[in-house]
PDB file of N, CA and C in Angstrom:
ATOM      1  N   MET A   1     -23.133 152.673-181.052  1.00  0.00           N
ATOM      2  CA  MET A   1     -23.232 153.975-180.308  1.00  0.00           C
ATOM      3  C   MET A   1     -24.533 155.126-181.372  1.00  0.00           C
ATOM      4  N   GLN A   2     -25.170 155.758-180.465  1.00  0.00           N
ATOM      5  CA  GLN A   2     -25.803 156.633-181.355  1.00  0.00           C
ATOM      6  C   GLN A   2     -25.656 158.192-180.739  1.00  0.00           C
ATOM      7  N   ILE A   3     -25.677 159.565-181.569  1.00  0.00           N
ATOM      8  CA  ILE A   3     -25.884 160.358-181.351  1.00  0.00           C
ATOM      9  C   ILE A   3     -27.144 160.980-181.132  1.00  0.00           C
ATOM     10  N   ILE A   4     -27.622 161.424-179.937  1.00  0.00           N
ATOM     11  CA  ILE A   4     -28.940 162.169-179.669  1.00  0.00           C
ATOM     12  C   ILE A   4     -28.834 163.429-179.697  1.00  0.00           C
ATOM     13  N   THR A   5     -30.491 163.885-180.628  1.00  0.00           N
ATOM     14  CA  THR A   5     -30.332 165.266-180.875  1.00  0.00           C
ATOM     15  C   THR A   5     -31.992 165.722-180.711  1.00  0.00           C
ATOM     16  N   SER A   6     -31.904 166.630-180.760  1.00  0.00           N
ATOM     17  CA  SER A   6     -33.444 167.037-180.201  1.00  0.00           C
ATOM     18  C   SER A   6     -33.305 168.513-180.483  1.00  0.00           C
ATOM     19  N   ASP A   7     -34.835 168.979-180.967  1.00  0.00           N
ATOM     20  CA  ASP A   7     -34.690 170.774-180.976  1.00  0.00           C
ATOM     21  C   ASP A   7     -34.630 171.214-179.812  1.00  0.00           C
ATOM     22  N   LYS A   8     -34.780 170.362-178.710  1.00  0.00           N
ATOM     23  CA  LYS A   8     -34.904 171.129-176.928  1.00  0.00           C
ATOM     24  C   LYS A   8     -33.874 170.980-176.624  1.00  0.00           C
ATOM     25  N   MET A   9     -32.954 170.080-176.982  1.00  0.00           N
ATOM     26  CA  MET A   9     -31.720 170.663-176.719  1.00  0.00           C
ATOM     27  C   MET A   9     -30.498 172.031-177.409  1.00  0.00           C
ATOM     28  N   PRO A  10     -29.886 172.349-176.200  1.00  0.00           N
ATOM     29  CA  PRO A  10     -29.252 173.181-176.500  1.00  0.00           C
ATOM     30  C   PRO A  10     -28.023 172.850-177.490  1.00  0.00           C
ATOM     31  N   ILE A  11     -27.980 173.854-178.925  1.00  0.00           N
ATOM     32  CA  ILE A  11     -26.790 173.541-179.890  1.00  0.00           C
ATOM     33  C   ILE A  11     -25.552 173.484-179.607  1.00  0.00           C
ATOM     34  N   SER A  12     -25.007 172.354-179.798  1.00  0.00           N
ATOM     35  CA  SER A  12     -23.409 172.650-179.960  1.00  0.00           C
ATOM     36  C   SER A  12     -22.500 173.616-180.838  1.00  0.00           C
ATOM     37  N   SER A  13     -21.398 174.618-179.910  1.00  0.00           N
ATOM     38  CA  SER A  13     -20.747 174.888-180.974  1.00  0.00           C
ATOM     39  C   SER A  13     -19.612 174.874-181.279  1.00  0.00           C
ATOM     40  N   GLY A  14     -19.442 173.793-180.977  1.00  0.00           N
ATOM     41  CA  GLY A  14     -17.885 172.709-181.553  1.00  0.00           C
ATOM     42  C   GLY A  14     -18.293 171.482-181.853  1.00  0.00           C
ATOM     43  N   HIS A  15     -16.840 170.924-182.255  1.00  0.00           N
ATOM     44  CA  HIS A  15     -16.783 169.578-182.622  1.00  0.00           C
ATOM     45  C   HIS A  15     -17.540 168.518-181.746  1.00  0.00           C
ATOM     46  N   TYR A  16     -18.132 168.652-181.158  1.00  0.00           N
ATOM     47  CA  TYR A  16     -18.648 167.187-179.977  1.00  0.00           C
ATOM     48  C   TYR A  16     -20.427 167.484-180.376  1.00  0.00           C
ATOM     49  N   SER A  17     -20.445 165.796-179.887  1.00  0.00           N
ATOM     50  CA  SER A  17     -22.296 165.694-179.699  1.00  0.00           C
ATOM     51  C   SER A  17     -22.603 166.321-178.649  1.00  0.00           C
ATOM     52  N   MET A  18     -23.662 166.638-178.098  1.00  0.00           N
ATOM     53  CA  MET A  18     -24.476 167.444-177.210  1.00  0.00           C
ATOM     54  C   MET A  18     -24.448 165.945-176.068  1.00  0.00           C
ATOM     55  N   CYS A  19     -24.966 164.771-176.789  1.00  0.00           N
ATOM     56  CA  CYS A  19     -25.181 163.280-176.092  1.00  0.00           C
ATOM     57  C   CYS A  19     -25.122 162.258-177.018  1.00  0.00           C
ATOM     58  N   VAL A  20     -24.544 161.411-176.408  1.00  0.00           N
ATOM     59  CA  VAL A  20     -24.234 160.087-176.651  1.00  0.00           C
ATOM     60  C   VAL A  20     -24.440 158.789-175.937  1.00  0.00           C
ATOM     61  N   GLU A  21     -25.499 158.128-176.651  1.00  0.00           N
ATOM     62  CA  GLU A  21     -26.052 156.815-175.970  1.00  0.00           C
ATOM     63  C   GLU A  21     -24.804 155.809-176.234  1.00  0.00           C
ATOM     64  N   HIS A  22     -24.519 154.786-175.589  1.00  0.00           N
ATOM     65  CA  HIS A  22     -23.969 153.710-175.910  1.00  0.00           C
ATOM     66  C   HIS A  22     -24.526 152.227-174.372  1.00  0.00           C
ATOM     67  N   ASN A  23     -25.014 151.231-174.906  1.00  0.00           N
ATOM     68  CA  ASN A  23     -25.248 150.588-174.505  1.00  0.00           C
ATOM     69  C   ASN A  23     -25.825 150.933-173.462  1.00  0.00           C
ATOM     70  N   GLY A  24     -27.142 151.647-173.536  1.00  0.00           N
ATOM     71  CA  GLY A  24     -28.375 151.852-172.613  1.00  0.00           C
ATOM     72  C   GLY A  24     -27.796 153.340-171.969  1.00  0.00           C
ATOM     73  N   THR A  25     -26.796 153.817-171.346  1.00  0.00           N
ATOM     74  CA  THR A  25     -26.326 154.880-171.005  1.00  0.00           C
ATOM     75  C   THR A  25     -25.861 156.253-171.904  1.00  0.00           C
ATOM     76  N   LEU A  26     -26.272 156.973-171.356  1.00  0.00           N
ATOM     77  CA  LEU A  26     -26.233 158.526-172.187  1.00  0.00           C
ATOM     78  C   LEU A  26     -25.062 159.167-171.258  1.00  0.00           C
ATOM     79  N   TYR A  27     -24.250 159.767-172.084  1.00  0.00           N
ATOM     80  CA  TYR A  27     -22.973 160.753-171.792  1.00  0.00           C
ATOM     81  C   TYR A  27     -23.140 162.389-172.230  1.00  0.00           C
ATOM     82  N   LEU A  28     -23.482 162.882-171.509  1.00  0.00           N
ATOM     83  CA  LEU A  28     -23.952 163.831-171.816  1.00  0.00           C
ATOM     84  C   LEU A  28     -22.464 165.258-171.635  1.00  0.00           C
ATOM     85  N   ALA A  29     -22.098 166.053-172.963  1.00  0.00           N
ATOM     86  CA  ALA A  29     -21.421 166.956-172.882  1.00  0.00           C
ATOM     87  C   ALA A  29     -21.384 167.901-171.342  1.00  0.00           C
ATOM     88  N   GLY A  30     -20.185 168.708-171.247  1.00  0.00           N
ATOM     89  CA  GLY A  30     -20.272 169.945-170.523  1.00  0.00           C
ATOM     90  C   GLY A  30     -21.403 170.878-170.861  1.00  0.00           C
ATOM     91  N   GLN A  31     -22.329 171.636-169.867  1.00  0.00           N
ATOM     92  CA  GLN A  31     -23.286 172.153-170.184  1.00  0.00           C
ATOM     93  C   GLN A  31     -22.656 173.135-169.530  1.00  0.00           C
ATOM     94  N   LEU A  32     -22.633 174.380-170.050  1.00  0.00           N
ATOM     95  CA  LEU A  32     -22.609 175.718-169.806  1.00  0.00           C
ATOM     96  C   LEU A  32     -24.046 176.681-169.104  1.00  0.00           C
ATOM     97  N   PRO A  33     -24.189 177.486-168.877  1.00  0.00           N
ATOM     98  CA  PRO A  33     -25.183 178.221-168.299  1.00  0.00           C
ATOM     99  C   PRO A  33     -25.700 179.088-169.395  1.00  0.00           C
ATOM    100  N   VAL A  34     -25.928 178.615-170.775  1.00  0.00           N
ATOM    101  CA  VAL A  34     -26.467 179.457-171.574  1.00  0.00           C
ATOM    102  C   VAL A  34     -27.621 178.834-171.721  1.00  0.00           C
ATOM    103  N   ASP A  35     -28.582 179.926-172.110  1.00  0.00           N
ATOM    104  CA  ASP A  35     -30.120 179.388-172.292  1.00  0.00           C
ATOM    105  C   ASP A  35     -30.326 179.069-174.179  1.00  0.00           C
ATOM    106  N   PRO A  36     -31.042 177.804-174.183  1.00  0.00           N
ATOM    107  CA  PRO A  36     -31.288 177.335-175.150  1.00  0.00           C
ATOM    108  C   PRO A  36     -32.120 178.196-176.309  1.00  0.00           C
ATOM    109  N   GLU A  37     -32.651 178.833-175.980  1.00  0.00           N
ATOM    110  CA  GLU A  37     -33.294 179.744-176.586  1.00  0.00           C
ATOM    111  C   GLU A  37     -33.076 181.571-176.616  1.00  0.00           C
ATOM    112  N   THR A  38     -32.520 182.070-175.829  1.00  0.00           N
ATOM    113  CA  THR A  38     -32.103 183.127-175.744  1.00  0.00           C
ATOM    114  C   THR A  38     -30.447 183.520-175.901  1.00  0.00           C
ATOM    115  N   LYS A  39     -29.883 182.217-175.748  1.00  0.00           N
ATOM    116  CA  LYS A  39     -28.420 182.275-175.985  1.00  0.00           C
ATOM    117  C   LYS A  39     -27.964 183.214-174.735  1.00  0.00           C
ATOM    118  N   MET A  40     -28.238 183.658-174.050  1.00  0.00           N
ATOM    119  CA  MET A  40     -27.919 184.698-172.537  1.00  0.00           C
ATOM    120  C   MET A  40     -27.261 183.751-171.486  1.00  0.00           C
ATOM    121  N   ILE A  41     -26.833 184.540-171.071  1.00  0.00           N
ATOM    122  CA  ILE A  41     -26.086 183.712-169.924  1.00  0.00           C
ATOM    123  C   ILE A  41     -26.493 184.521-168.640  1.00  0.00           C
ATOM    124  N   PRO A  42     -27.273 183.943-167.400  1.00  0.00           N
ATOM    125  CA  PRO A  42     -27.565 184.923-166.560  1.00  0.00           C
ATOM    126  C   PRO A  42     -26.739 185.082-165.725  1.00  0.00           C
ATOM    127  N   ASP A  43     -26.734 186.353-164.920  1.00  0.00           N
ATOM    128  CA  ASP A  43     -25.808 186.599-163.887  1.00  0.00           C
ATOM    129  C   ASP A  43     -26.099 185.928-162.586  1.00  0.00           C
ATOM    130  N   GLY A  44     -25.051 185.821-161.777  1.00  0.00           N
ATOM    131  CA  GLY A  44     -24.693 184.950-160.620  1.00  0.00           C
ATOM    132  C   GLY A  44     -24.827 183.413-160.236  1.00  0.00           C
ATOM    133  N   ILE A  45     -24.077 183.346-159.492  1.00  0.00           N
ATOM    134  CA  ILE A  45     -23.686 181.540-159.556  1.00  0.00           C
ATOM    135  C   ILE A  45     -25.204 180.757-159.077  1.00  0.00           C
ATOM    136  N   GLU A  46     -26.308 181.005-158.271  1.00  0.00           N
ATOM    137  CA  GLU A  46     -27.196 180.603-158.559  1.00  0.00           C
ATOM    138  C   GLU A  46     -28.156 180.634-159.567  1.00  0.00           C
ATOM    139  N   ALA A  47     -28.384 181.553-160.219  1.00  0.00           N
ATOM    140  CA  ALA A  47     -28.978 181.571-161.790  1.00  0.00           C
ATOM    141  C   ALA A  47     -28.038 180.565-162.595  1.00  0.00           C
ATOM    142  N   GLN A  48     -27.194 180.947-162.778  1.00  0.00           N
ATOM    143  CA  GLN A  48     -26.355 179.941-163.759  1.00  0.00           C
ATOM    144  C   GLN A  48     -26.285 178.175-163.078  1.00  0.00           C
ATOM    145  N   THR A  49     -26.493 177.838-162.149  1.00  0.00           N
ATOM    146  CA  THR A  49     -26.264 176.490-161.590  1.00  0.00           C
ATOM    147  C   THR A  49     -27.558 176.033-162.237  1.00  0.00           C
ATOM    148  N   LYS A  50     -28.827 177.140-161.378  1.00  0.00           N
ATOM    149  CA  LYS A  50     -30.566 176.527-161.989  1.00  0.00           C
ATOM    150  C   LYS A  50     -30.291 176.368-163.874  1.00  0.00           C
ATOM    151  N   LEU A  51     -29.837 177.196-164.240  1.00  0.00           N
ATOM    152  CA  LEU A  51     -29.748 176.816-165.658  1.00  0.00           C
ATOM    153  C   LEU A  51     -29.231 175.588-166.329  1.00  0.00           C
ATOM    154  N   VAL A  52     -27.724 175.832-165.523  1.00  0.00           N
ATOM    155  CA  VAL A  52     -27.094 174.372-166.250  1.00  0.00           C
ATOM    156  C   VAL A  52     -27.570 173.214-166.062  1.00  0.00           C
ATOM    157  N   LEU A  53     -28.672 173.042-164.836  1.00  0.00           N
ATOM    158  CA  LEU A  53     -28.987 171.546-164.030  1.00  0.00           C
ATOM    159  C   LEU A  53     -30.270 171.772-165.200  1.00  0.00           C
ATOM    160  N   ASN A  54     -31.195 172.655-165.452  1.00  0.00           N
ATOM    161  CA  ASN A  54     -32.079 172.726-166.348  1.00  0.00           C
ATOM    162  C   ASN A  54     -31.563 172.114-167.892  1.00  0.00           C
ATOM    163  N   ASN A  55     -30.801 172.470-168.211  1.00  0.00           N
ATOM    164  CA  ASN A  55     -30.271 172.238-169.398  1.00  0.00           C
ATOM    165  C   ASN A  55     -30.082 170.417-169.905  1.00  0.00           C
ATOM    166  N   ILE A  56     -29.234 169.946-168.557  1.00  0.00           N
ATOM    167  CA  ILE A  56     -29.202 168.803-168.474  1.00  0.00           C
ATOM    168  C   ILE A  56     -30.606 167.778-168.644  1.00  0.00           C
ATOM    169  N   LYS A  57     -31.500 168.294-167.756  1.00  0.00           N
ATOM    170  CA  LYS A  57     -32.482 167.982-167.411  1.00  0.00           C
ATOM    171  C   LYS A  57     -33.583 167.766-168.766  1.00  0.00           C
ATOM    172  N   THR A  58     -32.896 169.037-169.637  1.00  0.00           N
ATOM    173  CA  THR A  58     -33.787 169.173-171.084  1.00  0.00           C
ATOM    174  C   THR A  58     -33.249 168.136-171.708  1.00  0.00           C
ATOM    175  N   ILE A  59     -32.135 167.682-171.741  1.00  0.00           N
ATOM    176  CA  ILE A  59     -30.974 166.799-172.858  1.00  0.00           C
ATOM    177  C   ILE A  59     -31.636 165.446-172.098  1.00  0.00           C
ATOM    178  N   VAL A  60     -31.641 165.305-171.294  1.00  0.00           N
ATOM    179  CA  VAL A  60     -31.892 163.651-170.558  1.00  0.00           C
ATOM    180  C   VAL A  60     -33.275 163.583-170.875  1.00  0.00           C
ATOM    181  N   GLU A  61     -34.576 164.305-170.597  1.00  0.00           N
ATOM    182  CA  GLU A  61     -35.658 164.458-171.112  1.00  0.00           C
ATOM    183  C   GLU A  61     -35.669 163.843-172.567  1.00  0.00           C
ATOM    184  N   ALA A  62     -34.900 164.429-173.276  1.00  0.00           N
ATOM    185  CA  ALA A  62     -34.843 164.573-175.194  1.00  0.00           C
ATOM    186  C   ALA A  62     -34.568 163.125-175.275  1.00  0.00           C
ATOM    187  N   ALA A  63     -33.519 162.769-174.141  1.00  0.00           N
ATOM    188  CA  ALA A  63     -32.893 161.482-174.839  1.00  0.00           C
ATOM    189  C   ALA A  63     -33.674 160.059-174.355  1.00  0.00           C
ATOM    190  N   GLY A  64     -34.914 160.449-173.854  1.00  0.00           N
ATOM    191  CA  GLY A  64     -35.823 159.459-173.515  1.00  0.00           C
ATOM    192  C   GLY A  64     -35.678 159.082-171.975  1.00  0.00           C
ATOM    193  N   SER A  65     -34.794 159.423-171.242  1.00  0.00           N
ATOM    194  CA  SER A  65     -34.467 159.233-169.728  1.00  0.00           C
ATOM    195  C   SER A  65     -34.964 160.627-168.945  1.00  0.00           C
ATOM    196  N   SER A  66     -34.840 160.283-167.405  1.00  0.00           N
ATOM    197  CA  SER A  66     -35.248 161.164-166.447  1.00  0.00           C
ATOM    198  C   SER A  66     -33.890 161.248-165.560  1.00  0.00           C
ATOM    199  N   ILE A  67     -34.227 162.368-164.772  1.00  0.00           N
ATOM    200  CA  ILE A  67     -33.363 163.472-164.051  1.00  0.00           C
ATOM    201  C   ILE A  67     -33.250 162.143-162.705  1.00  0.00           C
ATOM    202  N   ASP A  68     -33.951 161.555-162.152  1.00  0.00           N
ATOM    203  CA  ASP A  68     -33.485 160.209-161.582  1.00  0.00           C
ATOM    204  C   ASP A  68     -33.018 159.220-161.674  1.00  0.00           C
ATOM    205  N   LYS A  69     -32.127 159.040-163.022  1.00  0.00           N
ATOM    206  CA  LYS A  69     -31.493 158.115-163.565  1.00  0.00           C
ATOM    207  C   LYS A  69     -30.340 158.723-163.686  1.00  0.00           C
ATOM    208  N   VAL A  70     -29.957 160.113-163.402  1.00  0.00           N
ATOM    209  CA  VAL A  70     -28.647 160.347-163.478  1.00  0.00           C
ATOM    210  C   VAL A  70     -27.633 160.089-162.220  1.00  0.00           C
ATOM    211  N   ILE A  71     -26.856 159.091-163.058  1.00  0.00           N
ATOM    212  CA  ILE A  71     -25.540 158.440-162.373  1.00  0.00           C
ATOM    213  C   ILE A  71     -24.502 159.303-161.835  1.00  0.00           C
ATOM    214  N   HIS A  72     -23.945 159.625-162.497  1.00  0.00           N
ATOM    215  CA  HIS A  72     -22.456 160.787-162.040  1.00  0.00           C
ATOM    216  C   HIS A  72     -22.705 162.338-162.749  1.00  0.00           C
ATOM    217  N   VAL A  73     -22.313 163.205-162.068  1.00  0.00           N
ATOM    218  CA  VAL A  73     -22.561 164.601-162.297  1.00  0.00           C
ATOM    219  C   VAL A  73     -21.098 164.980-162.078  1.00  0.00           C
ATOM    220  N   ARG A  74     -20.062 165.777-162.761  1.00  0.00           N
ATOM    221  CA  ARG A  74     -18.575 166.491-162.740  1.00  0.00           C
ATOM    222  C   ARG A  74     -18.874 167.771-162.676  1.00  0.00           C
ATOM    223  N   ILE A  75     -18.669 168.373-162.185  1.00  0.00           N
ATOM    224  CA  ILE A  75     -19.403 169.821-161.721  1.00  0.00           C
ATOM    225  C   ILE A  75     -18.207 170.619-162.001  1.00  0.00           C
ATOM    226  N   TYR A  76     -17.992 171.381-162.781  1.00  0.00           N
ATOM    227  CA  TYR A  76     -16.389 172.787-162.857  1.00  0.00           C
ATOM    228  C   TYR A  76     -17.143 173.954-162.328  1.00  0.00           C
ATOM    229  N   VAL A  77     -16.316 174.531-161.351  1.00  0.00           N
ATOM    230  CA  VAL A  77     -16.584 175.859-160.823  1.00  0.00           C
ATOM    231  C   VAL A  77     -15.492 176.610-161.196  1.00  0.00           C
ATOM    232  N   SER A  78     -15.538 178.146-161.296  1.00  0.00           N
ATOM    233  CA  SER A  78     -14.614 178.934-161.251  1.00  0.00           C
ATOM    234  C   SER A  78     -13.741 179.396-159.859  1.00  0.00           C
ATOM    235  N   ASP A  79     -14.407 179.220-159.197  1.00  0.00           N
ATOM    236  CA  ASP A  79     -13.865 179.575-157.594  1.00  0.00           C
ATOM    237  C   ASP A  79     -14.775 178.939-156.590  1.00  0.00           C
ATOM    238  N   ILE A  80     -13.639 177.625-155.893  1.00  0.00           N
ATOM    239  CA  ILE A  80     -14.342 176.810-155.093  1.00  0.00           C
ATOM    240  C   ILE A  80     -15.453 177.720-154.257  1.00  0.00           C
ATOM    241  N   ALA A  81     -14.867 179.172-153.651  1.00  0.00           N
ATOM    242  CA  ALA A  81     -15.788 179.427-152.887  1.00  0.00           C
ATOM    243  C   ALA A  81     -17.300 179.818-152.938  1.00  0.00           C
ATOM    244  N   LEU A  82     -17.763 179.614-154.103  1.00  0.00           N
ATOM    245  CA  LEU A  82     -19.055 179.317-154.633  1.00  0.00           C
ATOM    246  C   LEU A  82     -19.744 178.120-154.413  1.00  0.00           C
ATOM    247  N   TRP A  83     -19.182 177.209-153.962  1.00  0.00           N
ATOM    248  CA  TRP A  83     -19.390 175.877-153.910  1.00  0.00           C
ATOM    249  C   TRP A  83     -20.775 175.929-152.872  1.00  0.00           C
ATOM    250  N   ASN A  84     -20.630 176.195-152.097  1.00  0.00           N
ATOM    251  CA  ASN A  84     -21.971 176.173-151.358  1.00  0.00           C
ATOM    252  C   ASN A  84     -23.386 176.982-151.843  1.00  0.00           C
ATOM    253  N   LYS A  85     -23.545 177.781-152.414  1.00  0.00           N
ATOM    254  CA  LYS A  85     -24.556 178.364-153.492  1.00  0.00           C
ATOM    255  C   LYS A  85     -24.583 177.335-154.392  1.00  0.00           C
ATOM    256  N   VAL A  86     -23.637 176.754-154.940  1.00  0.00           N
ATOM    257  CA  VAL A  86     -24.005 175.535-156.244  1.00  0.00           C
ATOM    258  C   VAL A  86     -24.666 174.651-155.475  1.00  0.00           C
ATOM    259  N   ASN A  87     -24.124 173.972-154.132  1.00  0.00           N
ATOM    260  CA  ASN A  87     -24.439 173.052-153.358  1.00  0.00           C
ATOM    261  C   ASN A  87     -25.913 173.001-153.204  1.00  0.00           C
ATOM    262  N   ALA A  88     -26.447 174.130-152.601  1.00  0.00           N
ATOM    263  CA  ALA A  88     -28.049 174.312-152.300  1.00  0.00           C
ATOM    264  C   ALA A  88     -28.483 174.279-153.301  1.00  0.00           C
ATOM    265  N   ILE A  89     -28.337 174.511-154.425  1.00  0.00           N
ATOM    266  CA  ILE A  89     -29.037 174.945-155.698  1.00  0.00           C
ATOM    267  C   ILE A  89     -29.488 173.288-156.055  1.00  0.00           C
ATOM    268  N   TYR A  90     -28.244 172.394-156.335  1.00  0.00           N
ATOM    269  CA  TYR A  90     -27.936 170.758-156.742  1.00  0.00           C
ATOM    270  C   TYR A  90     -28.902 170.568-155.846  1.00  0.00           C
ATOM    271  N   THR A  91     -28.707 170.634-154.577  1.00  0.00           N
ATOM    272  CA  THR A  91     -29.575 169.659-154.042  1.00  0.00           C
ATOM    273  C   THR A  91     -31.441 169.637-153.769  1.00  0.00           C
ATOM    274  N   LEU A  92     -31.207 171.094-154.245  1.00  0.00           N
ATOM    275  CA  LEU A  92     -33.011 171.330-154.486  1.00  0.00           C
ATOM    276  C   LEU A  92     -33.387 170.732-155.836  1.00  0.00           C
ATOM    277  N   PHE A  93     -32.549 170.719-156.664  1.00  0.00           N
ATOM    278  CA  PHE A  93     -33.082 170.099-157.865  1.00  0.00           C
ATOM    279  C   PHE A  93     -33.169 168.543-157.435  1.00  0.00           C
ATOM    280  N   PHE A  94     -32.368 168.034-157.184  1.00  0.00           N
ATOM    281  CA  PHE A  94     -31.754 166.235-157.100  1.00  0.00           C
ATOM    282  C   PHE A  94     -32.452 166.386-156.148  1.00  0.00           C
ATOM    283  N   LYS A  95     -33.426 166.598-155.195  1.00  0.00           N
ATOM    284  CA  LYS A  95     -34.245 165.865-153.923  1.00  0.00           C
ATOM    285  C   LYS A  95     -33.223 164.805-153.270  1.00  0.00           C
ATOM    286  N   ASP A  96     -34.198 163.985-153.359  1.00  0.00           N
ATOM    287  CA  ASP A  96     -33.722 162.974-152.523  1.00  0.00           C
ATOM    288  C   ASP A  96     -32.514 161.593-153.724  1.00  0.00           C
ATOM    289  N   HIS A  97     -32.218 162.145-154.688  1.00  0.00           N
ATOM    290  CA  HIS A  97     -31.581 161.259-155.807  1.00  0.00           C
ATOM    291  C   HIS A  97     -30.324 162.196-154.969  1.00  0.00           C
ATOM    292  N   LYS A  98     -29.359 161.033-155.431  1.00  0.00           N
ATOM    293  CA  LYS A  98     -27.762 161.746-154.881  1.00  0.00           C
ATOM    294  C   LYS A  98     -27.440 160.678-156.095  1.00  0.00           C
ATOM    295  N   PRO A  99     -26.967 161.484-157.172  1.00  0.00           N
ATOM    296  CA  PRO A  99     -26.259 160.628-157.766  1.00  0.00           C
ATOM    297  C   PRO A  99     -24.533 161.109-157.220  1.00  0.00           C
ATOM    298  N   ALA A 100     -23.535 159.439-157.763  1.00  0.00           N
ATOM    299  CA  ALA A 100     -22.590 159.970-157.488  1.00  0.00           C
ATOM    300  C   ALA A 100     -22.032 161.898-158.294  1.00  0.00           C
ATOM    301  N   ARG A 101     -20.925 161.859-157.844  1.00  0.00           N
ATOM    302  CA  ARG A 101     -20.334 163.607-157.863  1.00  0.00           C
ATOM    303  C   ARG A 101     -19.145 164.071-158.066  1.00  0.00           C
ATOM    304  N   ALA A 102     -18.506 164.855-158.812  1.00  0.00           N
ATOM    305  CA  ALA A 102     -16.757 165.235-158.415  1.00  0.00           C
ATOM    306  C   ALA A 102     -17.419 167.319-158.730  1.00  0.00           C
ATOM    307  N   VAL A 103     -16.617 167.643-158.143  1.00  0.00           N
ATOM    308  CA  VAL A 103     -16.235 168.620-158.072  1.00  0.00           C
ATOM    309  C   VAL A 103     -14.889 169.288-157.999  1.00  0.00           C
ATOM    310  N   ILE A 104     -14.464 170.269-159.536  1.00  0.00           N
ATOM    311  CA  ILE A 104     -13.622 170.470-160.018  1.00  0.00           C
ATOM    312  C   ILE A 104     -13.350 172.407-160.124  1.00  0.00           C
ATOM    313  N   PRO A 105     -12.951 172.637-159.257  1.00  0.00           N
ATOM    314  CA  PRO A 105     -12.393 173.819-159.027  1.00  0.00           C
ATOM    315  C   PRO A 105     -11.213 174.218-160.520  1.00  0.00           C
ATOM    316  N   THR A 106     -11.928 175.708-161.410  1.00  0.00           N
ATOM    317  CA  THR A 106     -11.189 175.235-162.417  1.00  0.00           C
ATOM    318  C   THR A 106     -10.271 177.089-162.499  1.00  0.00           C
ATOM    319  N   GLY A 107     -11.050 178.184-161.729  1.00  0.00           N
ATOM    320  CA  GLY A 107     -10.616 179.232-162.208  1.00  0.00           C
ATOM    321  C   GLY A 107     -11.372 179.517-163.831  1.00  0.00           C
ATOM    322  N   PRO A 108     -11.164 180.434-164.472  1.00  0.00           N
ATOM    323  CA  PRO A 108     -11.881 180.671-165.270  1.00  0.00           C
ATOM    324  C   PRO A 108     -12.704 179.619-166.457  1.00  0.00           C
ATOM    325  N   LEU A 109     -13.933 179.954-166.389  1.00  0.00           N
ATOM    326  CA  LEU A 109     -14.372 178.970-167.674  1.00  0.00           C
ATOM    327  C   LEU A 109     -15.265 179.700-168.568  1.00  0.00           C
ATOM    328  N   HIS A 110     -15.291 179.168-170.075  1.00  0.00           N
ATOM    329  CA  HIS A 110     -15.650 179.666-171.231  1.00  0.00           C
ATOM    330  C   HIS A 110     -16.360 180.550-171.059  1.00  0.00           C
ATOM    331  N   TYR A 111     -16.206 181.788-171.339  1.00  0.00           N
ATOM    332  CA  TYR A 111     -17.631 182.824-171.680  1.00  0.00           C
ATOM    333  C   TYR A 111     -18.057 183.469-170.636  1.00  0.00           C
ATOM    334  N   GLY A 112     -16.702 183.340-169.562  1.00  0.00           N
ATOM    335  CA  GLY A 112     -16.831 183.991-168.295  1.00  0.00           C
ATOM    336  C   GLY A 112     -17.824 183.358-167.628  1.00  0.00           C
ATOM    337  N   CYS A 113     -18.455 182.083-167.705  1.00  0.00           N
ATOM    338  CA  CYS A 113     -19.200 181.204-167.163  1.00  0.00           C
ATOM    339  C   CYS A 113     -18.519 180.990-165.338  1.00  0.00           C
ATOM    340  N   LEU A 114     -19.601 181.000-164.768  1.00  0.00           N
ATOM    341  CA  LEU A 114     -18.957 180.417-163.090  1.00  0.00           C
ATOM    342  C   LEU A 114     -18.907 178.965-162.864  1.00  0.00           C
ATOM    343  N   ILE A 115     -20.050 178.290-163.772  1.00  0.00           N
ATOM    344  CA  ILE A 115     -20.025 176.776-163.610  1.00  0.00           C
ATOM    345  C   ILE A 115     -20.236 175.989-164.896  1.00  0.00           C
ATOM    346  N   GLU A 116     -19.669 174.811-165.235  1.00  0.00           N
ATOM    347  CA  GLU A 116     -19.999 173.736-166.075  1.00  0.00           C
ATOM    348  C   GLU A 116     -20.582 172.602-165.703  1.00  0.00           C
ATOM    349  N   ALA A 117     -20.872 171.669-166.240  1.00  0.00           N
ATOM    350  CA  ALA A 117     -21.719 170.604-165.210  1.00  0.00           C
ATOM    351  C   ALA A 117     -21.646 169.488-166.676  1.00  0.00           C
ATOM    352  N   GLU A 118     -21.256 168.226-166.153  1.00  0.00           N
ATOM    353  CA  GLU A 118     -21.589 167.036-167.419  1.00  0.00           C
ATOM    354  C   GLU A 118     -22.131 165.864-166.400  1.00  0.00           C
ATOM    355  N   ALA A 119     -22.737 165.188-167.526  1.00  0.00           N
ATOM    356  CA  ALA A 119     -23.133 164.013-166.664  1.00  0.00           C
ATOM    357  C   ALA A 119     -23.461 162.717-167.269  1.00  0.00           C
ATOM    358  N   ILE A 120     -23.532 161.369-166.601  1.00  0.00           N
ATOM    359  CA  ILE A 120     -23.795 160.189-167.191  1.00  0.00           C
ATOM    360  C   ILE A 120     -25.162 159.353-166.765  1.00  0.00           C
ATOM    361  N   VAL A 121     -25.552 158.909-167.450  1.00  0.00           N
ATOM    362  CA  VAL A 121     -27.594 158.982-167.020  1.00  0.00           C
ATOM    363  C   VAL A 121     -27.840 157.523-167.473  1.00  0.00           C
ATOM    364  N   ALA A 122     -28.266 156.829-166.585  1.00  0.00           N
ATOM    365  CA  ALA A 122     -28.732 155.557-167.459  1.00  0.00           C
ATOM    366  C   ALA A 122     -30.249 155.887-168.017  1.00  0.00           C
ATOM    367  N   LYS A 123     -30.422 155.233-169.219  1.00  0.00           N
ATOM    368  CA  LYS A 123     -31.335 155.136-170.187  1.00  0.00           C
ATOM    369  C   LYS A 123     -32.493 154.176-169.752  1.00  0.00           C
TER     370      LYS A 123
END
């Protein structure tokens, strides 16, 4: 098992690793829509979804893989009514690649975020 770190990755604020590699598979911790440079959370589900997916892409690339090797994404949304907007952004982001996916409505998320996502990725 190897802990993956990079200065391009968002810094975790809790007791966990942002990304762990084991046997050629990357396990990404849940990503909130926090800009890694400004630490700001954008308004609106569309902007938050784009930022979460881009944070995942940054981590995946820093770990030596690519977004087309994403195996599974687990998405937490604060309100299932937001799902259509999330799915539209998700579809544009992944294009023809269709990872397995779970969508979990949660109620309020940390810092008032509307979305959080984690991923499993082949290296």
